[in-house]
Amino acid sequence: MNEPFPRGAVVVSGDLVGSRSKRPFVLISTEAHPFYGEEYTAIPLTTTSRSAAFELTETRFREGGLPRRSYALPWNIATLKHEGVSTHAGTLTQEATETLVEQAIGYLREDPP
């Protein structure tokens, strides 16, 4: 197996939420994930601006990036298999990753803040 992708990695995999063949995702799982390196918890990205979306500006990338302005959809959580990832486009900063994770957790709470 190839090396696991780090938390905050922006990767391209099969589109689980739309009609495109591929879609970028941000990986949010940690090494504590039971199958870390084989599968990942991920948040899909889109180029469509939505009021509740998390914009991935250039300053939110520690390395790499995407060719188009993109937005994370923290209310939409997916599981990706390692072998389904075709590209590692970059990695978000720790701060951007933590903010995105906190937003996702907010959608899972019964009584959100």
PDB file of N, CA and C in Angstrom:
ATOM      1  N   MET A   1       0.844  -1.184   0.000  1.00  0.00           N
ATOM      2  CA  MET A   1       0.000   0.000   0.000  1.00  0.00           C
ATOM      3  C   MET A   1       0.886   1.242   0.000  1.00  0.00           C
ATOM      4  N   ASN A   2       0.443   2.287  -0.662  1.00  0.00           N
ATOM      5  CA  ASN A   2       1.152   3.561  -0.668  1.00  0.00           C
ATOM      6  C   ASN A   2       1.022   4.236   0.689  1.00  0.00           C
ATOM      7  N   GLU A   3       1.843   5.257   0.914  1.00  0.00           N
ATOM      8  CA  GLU A   3       1.786   6.022   2.157  1.00  0.00           C
ATOM      9  C   GLU A   3       0.396   6.630   2.348  1.00  0.00           C
ATOM     10  N   PRO A   4      -0.091   6.664   3.589  1.00  0.00           N
ATOM     11  CA  PRO A   4      -1.387   7.306   3.850  1.00  0.00           C
ATOM     12  C   PRO A   4      -1.311   8.811   3.579  1.00  0.00           C
ATOM     13  N   PHE A   5      -2.434   9.379   3.211  1.00  0.00           N
ATOM     14  CA  PHE A   5      -2.518  10.817   3.023  1.00  0.00           C
ATOM     15  C   PHE A   5      -2.693  11.477   4.392  1.00  0.00           C
ATOM     16  N   PRO A   6      -2.119  12.658   4.593  1.00  0.00           N
ATOM     17  CA  PRO A   6      -2.238  13.326   5.887  1.00  0.00           C
ATOM     18  C   PRO A   6      -3.601  13.986   6.070  1.00  0.00           C
ATOM     19  N   ARG A   7      -3.948  14.242   7.311  1.00  0.00           N
ATOM     20  CA  ARG A   7      -5.151  15.022   7.615  1.00  0.00           C
ATOM     21  C   ARG A   7      -4.991  16.391   6.979  1.00  0.00           C
ATOM     22  N   GLY A   8      -6.044  16.862   6.353  1.00  0.00           N
ATOM     23  CA  GLY A   8      -5.995  18.150   5.658  1.00  0.00           C
ATOM     24  C   GLY A   8      -5.612  18.039   4.200  1.00  0.00           C
ATOM     25  N   ALA A   9      -5.289  16.825   3.735  1.00  0.00           N
ATOM     26  CA  ALA A   9      -4.939  16.641   2.319  1.00  0.00           C
ATOM     27  C   ALA A   9      -6.150  16.916   1.443  1.00  0.00           C
ATOM     28  N   VAL A  10      -5.920  17.600   0.343  1.00  0.00           N
ATOM     29  CA  VAL A  10      -6.954  17.818  -0.673  1.00  0.00           C
ATOM     30  C   VAL A  10      -6.644  16.828  -1.787  1.00  0.00           C
ATOM     31  N   VAL A  11      -7.581  15.906  -1.991  1.00  0.00           N
ATOM     32  CA  VAL A  11      -7.376  14.827  -2.947  1.00  0.00           C
ATOM     33  C   VAL A  11      -8.526  14.790  -3.948  1.00  0.00           C
ATOM     34  N   VAL A  12      -8.309  14.075  -5.039  1.00  0.00           N
ATOM     35  CA  VAL A  12      -9.352  13.885  -6.049  1.00  0.00           C
ATOM     36  C   VAL A  12      -9.718  12.407  -6.060  1.00  0.00           C
ATOM     37  N   SER A  13     -11.034  12.156  -6.025  1.00  0.00           N
ATOM     38  CA  SER A  13     -11.547  10.783  -6.018  1.00  0.00           C
ATOM     39  C   SER A  13     -12.855  10.757  -6.800  1.00  0.00           C
ATOM     40  N   GLY A  14     -13.493   9.612  -6.849  1.00  0.00           N
ATOM     41  CA  GLY A  14     -14.786   9.496  -7.520  1.00  0.00           C
ATOM     42  C   GLY A  14     -15.816  10.413  -6.890  1.00  0.00           C
ATOM     43  N   ASP A  15     -16.702  10.965  -7.698  1.00  0.00           N
ATOM     44  CA  ASP A  15     -17.727  11.899  -7.221  1.00  0.00           C
ATOM     45  C   ASP A  15     -18.856  11.136  -6.541  1.00  0.00           C
ATOM     46  N   LEU A  16     -18.989  11.326  -5.243  1.00  0.00           N
ATOM     47  CA  LEU A  16     -20.037  10.654  -4.476  1.00  0.00           C
ATOM     48  C   LEU A  16     -21.276  11.521  -4.290  1.00  0.00           C
ATOM     49  N   VAL A  17     -21.195  12.814  -4.663  1.00  0.00           N
ATOM     50  CA  VAL A  17     -22.295  13.730  -4.375  1.00  0.00           C
ATOM     51  C   VAL A  17     -22.900  14.392  -5.610  1.00  0.00           C
ATOM     52  N   GLY A  18     -22.357  14.140  -6.776  1.00  0.00           N
ATOM     53  CA  GLY A  18     -22.859  14.795  -7.974  1.00  0.00           C
ATOM     54  C   GLY A  18     -22.773  13.901  -9.191  1.00  0.00           C
ATOM     55  N   SER A  19     -22.798  14.525 -10.344  1.00  0.00           N
ATOM     56  CA  SER A  19     -22.828  13.764 -11.590  1.00  0.00           C
ATOM     57  C   SER A  19     -21.487  13.753 -12.328  1.00  0.00           C
ATOM     58  N   ARG A  20     -20.449  14.327 -11.717  1.00  0.00           N
ATOM     59  CA  ARG A  20     -19.134  14.325 -12.352  1.00  0.00           C
ATOM     60  C   ARG A  20     -18.424  13.006 -12.053  1.00  0.00           C
ATOM     61  N   SER A  21     -17.426  12.676 -12.846  1.00  0.00           N
ATOM     62  CA  SER A  21     -16.710  11.423 -12.609  1.00  0.00           C
ATOM     63  C   SER A  21     -15.711  11.563 -11.462  1.00  0.00           C
ATOM     64  N   LYS A  22     -15.176  12.747 -11.252  1.00  0.00           N
ATOM     65  CA  LYS A  22     -14.191  12.993 -10.191  1.00  0.00           C
ATOM     66  C   LYS A  22     -14.558  14.262  -9.432  1.00  0.00           C
ATOM     67  N   ARG A  23     -14.139  14.322  -8.174  1.00  0.00           N
ATOM     68  CA  ARG A  23     -14.400  15.497  -7.340  1.00  0.00           C
ATOM     69  C   ARG A  23     -13.272  15.618  -6.318  1.00  0.00           C
ATOM     70  N   PRO A  24     -12.874  16.853  -5.976  1.00  0.00           N
ATOM     71  CA  PRO A  24     -11.905  17.010  -4.901  1.00  0.00           C
ATOM     72  C   PRO A  24     -12.585  16.898  -3.530  1.00  0.00           C
ATOM     73  N   PHE A  25     -11.814  16.437  -2.557  1.00  0.00           N
ATOM     74  CA  PHE A  25     -12.262  16.279  -1.172  1.00  0.00           C
ATOM     75  C   PHE A  25     -11.147  16.730  -0.242  1.00  0.00           C
ATOM     76  N   VAL A  26     -11.508  17.133   0.971  1.00  0.00           N
ATOM     77  CA  VAL A  26     -10.539  17.371   2.043  1.00  0.00           C
ATOM     78  C   VAL A  26     -10.639  16.196   3.004  1.00  0.00           C
ATOM     79  N   LEU A  27      -9.511  15.584   3.325  1.00  0.00           N
ATOM     80  CA  LEU A  27      -9.489  14.472   4.277  1.00  0.00           C
ATOM     81  C   LEU A  27      -9.416  15.031   5.689  1.00  0.00           C
ATOM     82  N   ILE A  28     -10.345  14.587   6.551  1.00  0.00           N
ATOM     83  CA  ILE A  28     -10.385  15.117   7.912  1.00  0.00           C
ATOM     84  C   ILE A  28     -10.131  14.060   8.982  1.00  0.00           C
ATOM     85  N   SER A  29      -9.981  12.800   8.599  1.00  0.00           N
ATOM     86  CA  SER A  29      -9.735  11.763   9.605  1.00  0.00           C
ATOM     87  C   SER A  29      -8.298  11.861  10.111  1.00  0.00           C
ATOM     88  N   THR A  30      -8.096  11.355  11.307  1.00  0.00           N
ATOM     89  CA  THR A  30      -6.777  11.341  11.933  1.00  0.00           C
ATOM     90  C   THR A  30      -6.241   9.914  11.930  1.00  0.00           C
ATOM     91  N   GLU A  31      -5.046   9.748  12.442  1.00  0.00           N
ATOM     92  CA  GLU A  31      -4.454   8.414  12.540  1.00  0.00           C
ATOM     93  C   GLU A  31      -5.233   7.522  13.495  1.00  0.00           C
ATOM     94  N   ALA A  32      -6.121   8.101  14.308  1.00  0.00           N
ATOM     95  CA  ALA A  32      -6.962   7.320  15.231  1.00  0.00           C
ATOM     96  C   ALA A  32      -8.106   6.613  14.494  1.00  0.00           C
ATOM     97  N   HIS A  33      -8.348   6.985  13.244  1.00  0.00           N
ATOM     98  CA  HIS A  33      -9.398   6.338  12.439  1.00  0.00           C
ATOM     99  C   HIS A  33      -9.089   4.840  12.357  1.00  0.00           C
ATOM    100  N   PRO A  34     -10.075   3.964  12.599  1.00  0.00           N
ATOM    101  CA  PRO A  34      -9.803   2.510  12.620  1.00  0.00           C
ATOM    102  C   PRO A  34      -9.132   1.957  11.366  1.00  0.00           C
ATOM    103  N   PHE A  35      -9.366   2.543  10.219  1.00  0.00           N
ATOM    104  CA  PHE A  35      -8.779   2.031   8.984  1.00  0.00           C
ATOM    105  C   PHE A  35      -7.941   3.103   8.293  1.00  0.00           C
ATOM    106  N   TYR A  36      -7.279   3.939   9.092  1.00  0.00           N
ATOM    107  CA  TYR A  36      -6.474   5.033   8.552  1.00  0.00           C
ATOM    108  C   TYR A  36      -5.453   4.489   7.551  1.00  0.00           C
ATOM    109  N   GLY A  37      -5.391   5.114   6.406  1.00  0.00           N
ATOM    110  CA  GLY A  37      -4.495   4.667   5.346  1.00  0.00           C
ATOM    111  C   GLY A  37      -5.197   3.787   4.333  1.00  0.00           C
ATOM    112  N   GLU A  38      -6.292   3.141   4.755  1.00  0.00           N
ATOM    113  CA  GLU A  38      -7.110   2.342   3.837  1.00  0.00           C
ATOM    114  C   GLU A  38      -8.357   3.104   3.416  1.00  0.00           C
ATOM    115  N   GLU A  39      -8.920   3.866   4.357  1.00  0.00           N
ATOM    116  CA  GLU A  39     -10.065   4.719   4.059  1.00  0.00           C
ATOM    117  C   GLU A  39      -9.995   5.959   4.929  1.00  0.00           C
ATOM    118  N   TYR A  40     -10.691   7.010   4.478  1.00  0.00           N
ATOM    119  CA  TYR A  40     -10.611   8.311   5.124  1.00  0.00           C
ATOM    120  C   TYR A  40     -11.999   8.929   5.242  1.00  0.00           C
ATOM    121  N   THR A  41     -12.198   9.702   6.289  1.00  0.00           N
ATOM    122  CA  THR A  41     -13.372  10.555   6.399  1.00  0.00           C
ATOM    123  C   THR A  41     -13.040  11.825   5.624  1.00  0.00           C
ATOM    124  N   ALA A  42     -13.967  12.263   4.772  1.00  0.00           N
ATOM    125  CA  ALA A  42     -13.666  13.369   3.869  1.00  0.00           C
ATOM    126  C   ALA A  42     -14.852  14.299   3.704  1.00  0.00           C
ATOM    127  N   ILE A  43     -14.556  15.511   3.289  1.00  0.00           N
ATOM    128  CA  ILE A  43     -15.574  16.521   3.001  1.00  0.00           C
ATOM    129  C   ILE A  43     -15.420  16.917   1.536  1.00  0.00           C
ATOM    130  N   PRO A  44     -16.510  16.844   0.750  1.00  0.00           N
ATOM    131  CA  PRO A  44     -16.415  17.179  -0.670  1.00  0.00           C
ATOM    132  C   PRO A  44     -16.239  18.675  -0.903  1.00  0.00           C
ATOM    133  N   LEU A  45     -15.650  18.991  -2.045  1.00  0.00           N
ATOM    134  CA  LEU A  45     -15.463  20.373  -2.466  1.00  0.00           C
ATOM    135  C   LEU A  45     -16.289  20.640  -3.712  1.00  0.00           C
ATOM    136  N   THR A  46     -16.605  21.898  -3.913  1.00  0.00           N
ATOM    137  CA  THR A  46     -17.361  22.335  -5.082  1.00  0.00           C
ATOM    138  C   THR A  46     -16.811  23.676  -5.540  1.00  0.00           C
ATOM    139  N   THR A  47     -17.113  24.060  -6.758  1.00  0.00           N
ATOM    140  CA  THR A  47     -16.757  25.399  -7.234  1.00  0.00           C
ATOM    141  C   THR A  47     -17.942  26.346  -7.115  1.00  0.00           C
ATOM    142  N   THR A  48     -19.063  25.843  -6.617  1.00  0.00           N
ATOM    143  CA  THR A  48     -20.259  26.655  -6.434  1.00  0.00           C
ATOM    144  C   THR A  48     -20.229  27.317  -5.060  1.00  0.00           C
ATOM    145  N   SER A  49     -20.301  28.640  -5.035  1.00  0.00           N
ATOM    146  CA  SER A  49     -20.311  29.374  -3.772  1.00  0.00           C
ATOM    147  C   SER A  49     -21.669  29.206  -3.094  1.00  0.00           C
ATOM    148  N   ARG A  50     -21.627  28.779  -1.844  1.00  0.00           N
ATOM    149  CA  ARG A  50     -22.845  28.652  -1.036  1.00  0.00           C
ATOM    150  C   ARG A  50     -22.601  29.381   0.273  1.00  0.00           C
ATOM    151  N   SER A  51     -23.643  29.963   0.849  1.00  0.00           N
ATOM    152  CA  SER A  51     -23.458  30.780   2.049  1.00  0.00           C
ATOM    153  C   SER A  51     -22.852  30.003   3.212  1.00  0.00           C
ATOM    154  N   ALA A  52     -23.160  28.727   3.363  1.00  0.00           N
ATOM    155  CA  ALA A  52     -22.649  27.937   4.488  1.00  0.00           C
ATOM    156  C   ALA A  52     -21.349  27.202   4.149  1.00  0.00           C
ATOM    157  N   ALA A  53     -20.861  27.354   2.929  1.00  0.00           N
ATOM    158  CA  ALA A  53     -19.644  26.646   2.511  1.00  0.00           C
ATOM    159  C   ALA A  53     -18.403  27.340   3.070  1.00  0.00           C
ATOM    160  N   PHE A  54     -17.316  26.600   3.164  1.00  0.00           N
ATOM    161  CA  PHE A  54     -16.033  27.074   3.675  1.00  0.00           C
ATOM    162  C   PHE A  54     -15.116  27.301   2.482  1.00  0.00           C
ATOM    163  N   GLU A  55     -14.818  28.566   2.185  1.00  0.00           N
ATOM    164  CA  GLU A  55     -14.006  28.885   1.012  1.00  0.00           C
ATOM    165  C   GLU A  55     -12.543  28.506   1.245  1.00  0.00           C
ATOM    166  N   LEU A  56     -11.956  27.834   0.275  1.00  0.00           N
ATOM    167  CA  LEU A  56     -10.551  27.447   0.357  1.00  0.00           C
ATOM    168  C   LEU A  56      -9.698  28.474  -0.382  1.00  0.00           C
ATOM    169  N   THR A  57      -9.368  29.532   0.315  1.00  0.00           N
ATOM    170  CA  THR A  57      -8.513  30.575  -0.263  1.00  0.00           C
ATOM    171  C   THR A  57      -7.075  30.073  -0.336  1.00  0.00           C
ATOM    172  N   GLU A  58      -6.239  30.785  -1.085  1.00  0.00           N
ATOM    173  CA  GLU A  58      -4.829  30.403  -1.209  1.00  0.00           C
ATOM    174  C   GLU A  58      -4.142  30.340   0.154  1.00  0.00           C
ATOM    175  N   THR A  59      -4.516  31.231   1.067  1.00  0.00           N
ATOM    176  CA  THR A  59      -3.865  31.276   2.382  1.00  0.00           C
ATOM    177  C   THR A  59      -4.248  30.095   3.263  1.00  0.00           C
ATOM    178  N   ARG A  60      -5.275  29.364   2.891  1.00  0.00           N
ATOM    179  CA  ARG A  60      -5.692  28.196   3.668  1.00  0.00           C
ATOM    180  C   ARG A  60      -4.951  26.926   3.242  1.00  0.00           C
ATOM    181  N   PHE A  61      -4.105  27.037   2.233  1.00  0.00           N
ATOM    182  CA  PHE A  61      -3.288  25.903   1.780  1.00  0.00           C
ATOM    183  C   PHE A  61      -1.875  26.036   2.347  1.00  0.00           C
ATOM    184  N   ARG A  62      -1.395  24.975   2.947  1.00  0.00           N
ATOM    185  CA  ARG A  62      -0.003  24.912   3.394  1.00  0.00           C
ATOM    186  C   ARG A  62       0.902  24.601   2.212  1.00  0.00           C
ATOM    187  N   GLU A  63       0.387  23.774   1.288  1.00  0.00           N
ATOM    188  CA  GLU A  63       1.112  23.420   0.069  1.00  0.00           C
ATOM    189  C   GLU A  63       0.102  23.068  -1.007  1.00  0.00           C
ATOM    190  N   GLY A  64       0.514  23.261  -2.259  1.00  0.00           N
ATOM    191  CA  GLY A  64      -0.355  22.912  -3.377  1.00  0.00           C
ATOM    192  C   GLY A  64      -1.556  23.832  -3.483  1.00  0.00           C
ATOM    193  N   GLY A  65      -2.597  23.337  -4.121  1.00  0.00           N
ATOM    194  CA  GLY A  65      -3.813  24.124  -4.298  1.00  0.00           C
ATOM    195  C   GLY A  65      -4.667  23.546  -5.406  1.00  0.00           C
ATOM    196  N   LEU A  66      -5.718  24.268  -5.725  1.00  0.00           N
ATOM    197  CA  LEU A  66      -6.648  23.845  -6.776  1.00  0.00           C
ATOM    198  C   LEU A  66      -6.691  24.901  -7.867  1.00  0.00           C
ATOM    199  N   PRO A  67      -6.972  24.510  -9.105  1.00  0.00           N
ATOM    200  CA  PRO A  67      -6.948  25.468 -10.214  1.00  0.00           C
ATOM    201  C   PRO A  67      -8.119  26.451 -10.219  1.00  0.00           C
ATOM    202  N   ARG A  68      -9.192  26.127  -9.498  1.00  0.00           N
ATOM    203  CA  ARG A  68     -10.373  27.005  -9.468  1.00  0.00           C
ATOM    204  C   ARG A  68     -10.746  27.306  -8.033  1.00  0.00           C
ATOM    205  N   ARG A  69     -11.408  28.439  -7.820  1.00  0.00           N
ATOM    206  CA  ARG A  69     -11.894  28.776  -6.481  1.00  0.00           C
ATOM    207  C   ARG A  69     -12.811  27.654  -6.023  1.00  0.00           C
ATOM    208  N   SER A  70     -12.572  27.148  -4.815  1.00  0.00           N
ATOM    209  CA  SER A  70     -13.320  25.988  -4.325  1.00  0.00           C
ATOM    210  C   SER A  70     -13.846  26.228  -2.924  1.00  0.00           C
ATOM    211  N   TYR A  71     -14.892  25.480  -2.597  1.00  0.00           N
ATOM    212  CA  TYR A  71     -15.582  25.607  -1.315  1.00  0.00           C
ATOM    213  C   TYR A  71     -15.828  24.215  -0.741  1.00  0.00           C
ATOM    214  N   ALA A  72     -15.555  24.066   0.549  1.00  0.00           N
ATOM    215  CA  ALA A  72     -15.826  22.806   1.235  1.00  0.00           C
ATOM    216  C   ALA A  72     -17.263  22.818   1.736  1.00  0.00           C
ATOM    217  N   LEU A  73     -17.898  21.649   1.707  1.00  0.00           N
ATOM    218  CA  LEU A  73     -19.289  21.498   2.148  1.00  0.00           C
ATOM    219  C   LEU A  73     -19.297  20.729   3.470  1.00  0.00           C
ATOM    220  N   PRO A  74     -19.113  21.404   4.609  1.00  0.00           N
ATOM    221  CA  PRO A  74     -18.916  20.708   5.885  1.00  0.00           C
ATOM    222  C   PRO A  74     -20.123  19.908   6.371  1.00  0.00           C
ATOM    223  N   TRP A  75     -21.273  20.092   5.795  1.00  0.00           N
ATOM    224  CA  TRP A  75     -22.463  19.325   6.180  1.00  0.00           C
ATOM    225  C   TRP A  75     -22.540  17.991   5.436  1.00  0.00           C
ATOM    226  N   ASN A  76     -21.618  17.756   4.521  1.00  0.00           N
ATOM    227  CA  ASN A  76     -21.649  16.567   3.678  1.00  0.00           C
ATOM    228  C   ASN A  76     -20.374  15.764   3.928  1.00  0.00           C
ATOM    229  N   ILE A  77     -20.475  14.703   4.694  1.00  0.00           N
ATOM    230  CA  ILE A  77     -19.311  13.905   5.075  1.00  0.00           C
ATOM    231  C   ILE A  77     -19.342  12.580   4.318  1.00  0.00           C
ATOM    232  N   ALA A  78     -18.180  12.182   3.801  1.00  0.00           N
ATOM    233  CA  ALA A  78     -18.088  10.969   2.988  1.00  0.00           C
ATOM    234  C   ALA A  78     -16.926  10.101   3.481  1.00  0.00           C
ATOM    235  N   THR A  79     -16.915   8.846   3.037  1.00  0.00           N
ATOM    236  CA  THR A  79     -15.795   7.947   3.268  1.00  0.00           C
ATOM    237  C   THR A  79     -15.159   7.635   1.924  1.00  0.00           C
ATOM    238  N   LEU A  80     -13.850   7.826   1.838  1.00  0.00           N
ATOM    239  CA  LEU A  80     -13.107   7.525   0.615  1.00  0.00           C
ATOM    240  C   LEU A  80     -12.164   6.365   0.870  1.00  0.00           C
ATOM    241  N   LYS A  81     -12.038   5.498  -0.098  1.00  0.00           N
ATOM    242  CA  LYS A  81     -11.055   4.422  -0.057  1.00  0.00           C
ATOM    243  C   LYS A  81      -9.730   4.939  -0.617  1.00  0.00           C
ATOM    244  N   HIS A  82      -8.630   4.527  -0.016  1.00  0.00           N
ATOM    245  CA  HIS A  82      -7.303   4.973  -0.448  1.00  0.00           C
ATOM    246  C   HIS A  82      -7.075   4.683  -1.928  1.00  0.00           C
ATOM    247  N   GLU A  83      -7.455   3.498  -2.370  1.00  0.00           N
ATOM    248  CA  GLU A  83      -7.197   3.132  -3.764  1.00  0.00           C
ATOM    249  C   GLU A  83      -8.048   3.931  -4.752  1.00  0.00           C
ATOM    250  N   GLY A  84      -9.086   4.616  -4.282  1.00  0.00           N
ATOM    251  CA  GLY A  84      -9.924   5.428  -5.153  1.00  0.00           C
ATOM    252  C   GLY A  84      -9.401   6.834  -5.379  1.00  0.00           C
ATOM    253  N   VAL A  85      -8.373   7.219  -4.623  1.00  0.00           N
ATOM    254  CA  VAL A  85      -7.807   8.560  -4.757  1.00  0.00           C
ATOM    255  C   VAL A  85      -6.848   8.585  -5.937  1.00  0.00           C
ATOM    256  N   SER A  86      -7.077   9.529  -6.861  1.00  0.00           N
ATOM    257  CA  SER A  86      -6.231   9.600  -8.054  1.00  0.00           C
ATOM    258  C   SER A  86      -5.190  10.708  -7.988  1.00  0.00           C
ATOM    259  N   THR A  87      -5.425  11.735  -7.184  1.00  0.00           N
ATOM    260  CA  THR A  87      -4.530  12.886  -7.147  1.00  0.00           C
ATOM    261  C   THR A  87      -4.472  13.466  -5.739  1.00  0.00           C
ATOM    262  N   HIS A  88      -3.285  13.897  -5.315  1.00  0.00           N
ATOM    263  CA  HIS A  88      -3.109  14.666  -4.080  1.00  0.00           C
ATOM    264  C   HIS A  88      -2.756  16.078  -4.534  1.00  0.00           C
ATOM    265  N   ALA A  89      -3.739  16.997  -4.454  1.00  0.00           N
ATOM    266  CA  ALA A  89      -3.575  18.343  -5.004  1.00  0.00           C
ATOM    267  C   ALA A  89      -2.901  19.311  -4.054  1.00  0.00           C
ATOM    268  N   GLY A  90      -2.909  19.006  -2.764  1.00  0.00           N
ATOM    269  CA  GLY A  90      -2.314  19.909  -1.793  1.00  0.00           C
ATOM    270  C   GLY A  90      -2.736  19.533  -0.393  1.00  0.00           C
ATOM    271  N   THR A  91      -2.355  20.385   0.561  1.00  0.00           N
ATOM    272  CA  THR A  91      -2.703  20.158   1.958  1.00  0.00           C
ATOM    273  C   THR A  91      -3.079  21.489   2.588  1.00  0.00           C
ATOM    274  N   LEU A  92      -4.195  21.495   3.322  1.00  0.00           N
ATOM    275  CA  LEU A  92      -4.627  22.702   4.022  1.00  0.00           C
ATOM    276  C   LEU A  92      -3.750  22.948   5.247  1.00  0.00           C
ATOM    277  N   THR A  93      -3.752  24.175   5.723  1.00  0.00           N
ATOM    278  CA  THR A  93      -3.065  24.481   6.972  1.00  0.00           C
ATOM    279  C   THR A  93      -3.794  23.774   8.108  1.00  0.00           C
ATOM    280  N   GLN A  94      -3.119  23.606   9.230  1.00  0.00           N
ATOM    281  CA  GLN A  94      -3.752  22.977  10.391  1.00  0.00           C
ATOM    282  C   GLN A  94      -4.943  23.813  10.858  1.00  0.00           C
ATOM    283  N   GLU A  95      -4.803  25.127  10.860  1.00  0.00           N
ATOM    284  CA  GLU A  95      -5.891  26.007  11.288  1.00  0.00           C
ATOM    285  C   GLU A  95      -7.117  25.861  10.391  1.00  0.00           C
ATOM    286  N   ALA A  96      -6.917  25.839   9.075  1.00  0.00           N
ATOM    287  CA  ALA A  96      -8.040  25.693   8.149  1.00  0.00           C
ATOM    288  C   ALA A  96      -8.705  24.335   8.322  1.00  0.00           C
ATOM    289  N   THR A  97      -7.901  23.295   8.501  1.00  0.00           N
ATOM    290  CA  THR A  97      -8.450  21.953   8.700  1.00  0.00           C
ATOM    291  C   THR A  97      -9.278  21.886   9.970  1.00  0.00           C
ATOM    292  N   GLU A  98      -8.761  22.437  11.060  1.00  0.00           N
ATOM    293  CA  GLU A  98      -9.489  22.416  12.342  1.00  0.00           C
ATOM    294  C   GLU A  98     -10.789  23.204  12.250  1.00  0.00           C
ATOM    295  N   THR A  99     -10.767  24.341  11.574  1.00  0.00           N
ATOM    296  CA  THR A  99     -11.988  25.139  11.410  1.00  0.00           C
ATOM    297  C   THR A  99     -13.029  24.345  10.632  1.00  0.00           C
ATOM    298  N   LEU A 100     -12.611  23.689   9.564  1.00  0.00           N
ATOM    299  CA  LEU A 100     -13.521  22.878   8.759  1.00  0.00           C
ATOM    300  C   LEU A 100     -14.094  21.718   9.564  1.00  0.00           C
ATOM    301  N   VAL A 101     -13.269  21.056  10.354  1.00  0.00           N
ATOM    302  CA  VAL A 101     -13.732  19.951  11.204  1.00  0.00           C
ATOM    303  C   VAL A 101     -14.752  20.461  12.217  1.00  0.00           C
ATOM    304  N   GLU A 102     -14.484  21.589  12.854  1.00  0.00           N
ATOM    305  CA  GLU A 102     -15.433  22.148  13.828  1.00  0.00           C
ATOM    306  C   GLU A 102     -16.767  22.482  13.172  1.00  0.00           C
ATOM    307  N   GLN A 103     -16.726  23.008  11.953  1.00  0.00           N
ATOM    308  CA  GLN A 103     -17.975  23.286  11.237  1.00  0.00           C
ATOM    309  C   GLN A 103     -18.736  21.990  10.963  1.00  0.00           C
ATOM    310  N   ALA A 104     -18.032  20.945  10.559  1.00  0.00           N
ATOM    311  CA  ALA A 104     -18.675  19.653  10.283  1.00  0.00           C
ATOM    312  C   ALA A 104     -19.303  19.099  11.564  1.00  0.00           C
ATOM    313  N   ILE A 105     -18.583  19.165  12.659  1.00  0.00           N
ATOM    314  CA  ILE A 105     -19.107  18.673  13.945  1.00  0.00           C
ATOM    315  C   ILE A 105     -20.372  19.431  14.317  1.00  0.00           C
ATOM    316  N   GLY A 106     -20.411  20.722  14.035  1.00  0.00           N
ATOM    317  CA  GLY A 106     -21.596  21.524  14.333  1.00  0.00           C
ATOM    318  C   GLY A 106     -22.853  20.992  13.665  1.00  0.00           C
ATOM    319  N   TYR A 107     -22.707  20.437  12.482  1.00  0.00           N
ATOM    320  CA  TYR A 107     -23.865  19.872  11.773  1.00  0.00           C
ATOM    321  C   TYR A 107     -24.294  18.532  12.345  1.00  0.00           C
ATOM    322  N   LEU A 108     -23.453  17.904  13.154  1.00  0.00           N
ATOM    323  CA  LEU A 108     -23.774  16.605  13.742  1.00  0.00           C
ATOM    324  C   LEU A 108     -24.367  16.722  15.145  1.00  0.00           C
ATOM    325  N   ARG A 109     -24.282  17.883  15.736  1.00  0.00           N
ATOM    326  CA  ARG A 109     -24.810  18.077  17.091  1.00  0.00           C
ATOM    327  C   ARG A 109     -26.331  18.219  17.053  1.00  0.00           C
ATOM    328  N   GLU A 110     -26.965  17.667  18.056  1.00  0.00           N
ATOM    329  CA  GLU A 110     -28.419  17.797  18.150  1.00  0.00           C
ATOM    330  C   GLU A 110     -28.823  19.236  18.441  1.00  0.00           C
ATOM    331  N   ASP A 111     -28.005  19.917  19.243  1.00  0.00           N
ATOM    332  CA  ASP A 111     -28.263  21.307  19.594  1.00  0.00           C
ATOM    333  C   ASP A 111     -27.049  22.127  19.171  1.00  0.00           C
ATOM    334  N   PRO A 112     -26.951  22.469  17.865  1.00  0.00           N
ATOM    335  CA  PRO A 112     -25.753  23.166  17.389  1.00  0.00           C
ATOM    336  C   PRO A 112     -25.587  24.529  18.064  1.00  0.00           C
ATOM    337  N   PRO A 113     -24.337  24.986  18.144  1.00  0.00           N
ATOM    338  CA  PRO A 113     -24.068  26.280  18.787  1.00  0.00           C
ATOM    339  C   PRO A 113     -24.709  27.430  18.053  1.00  0.00           C
TER     340      PRO A 113
END
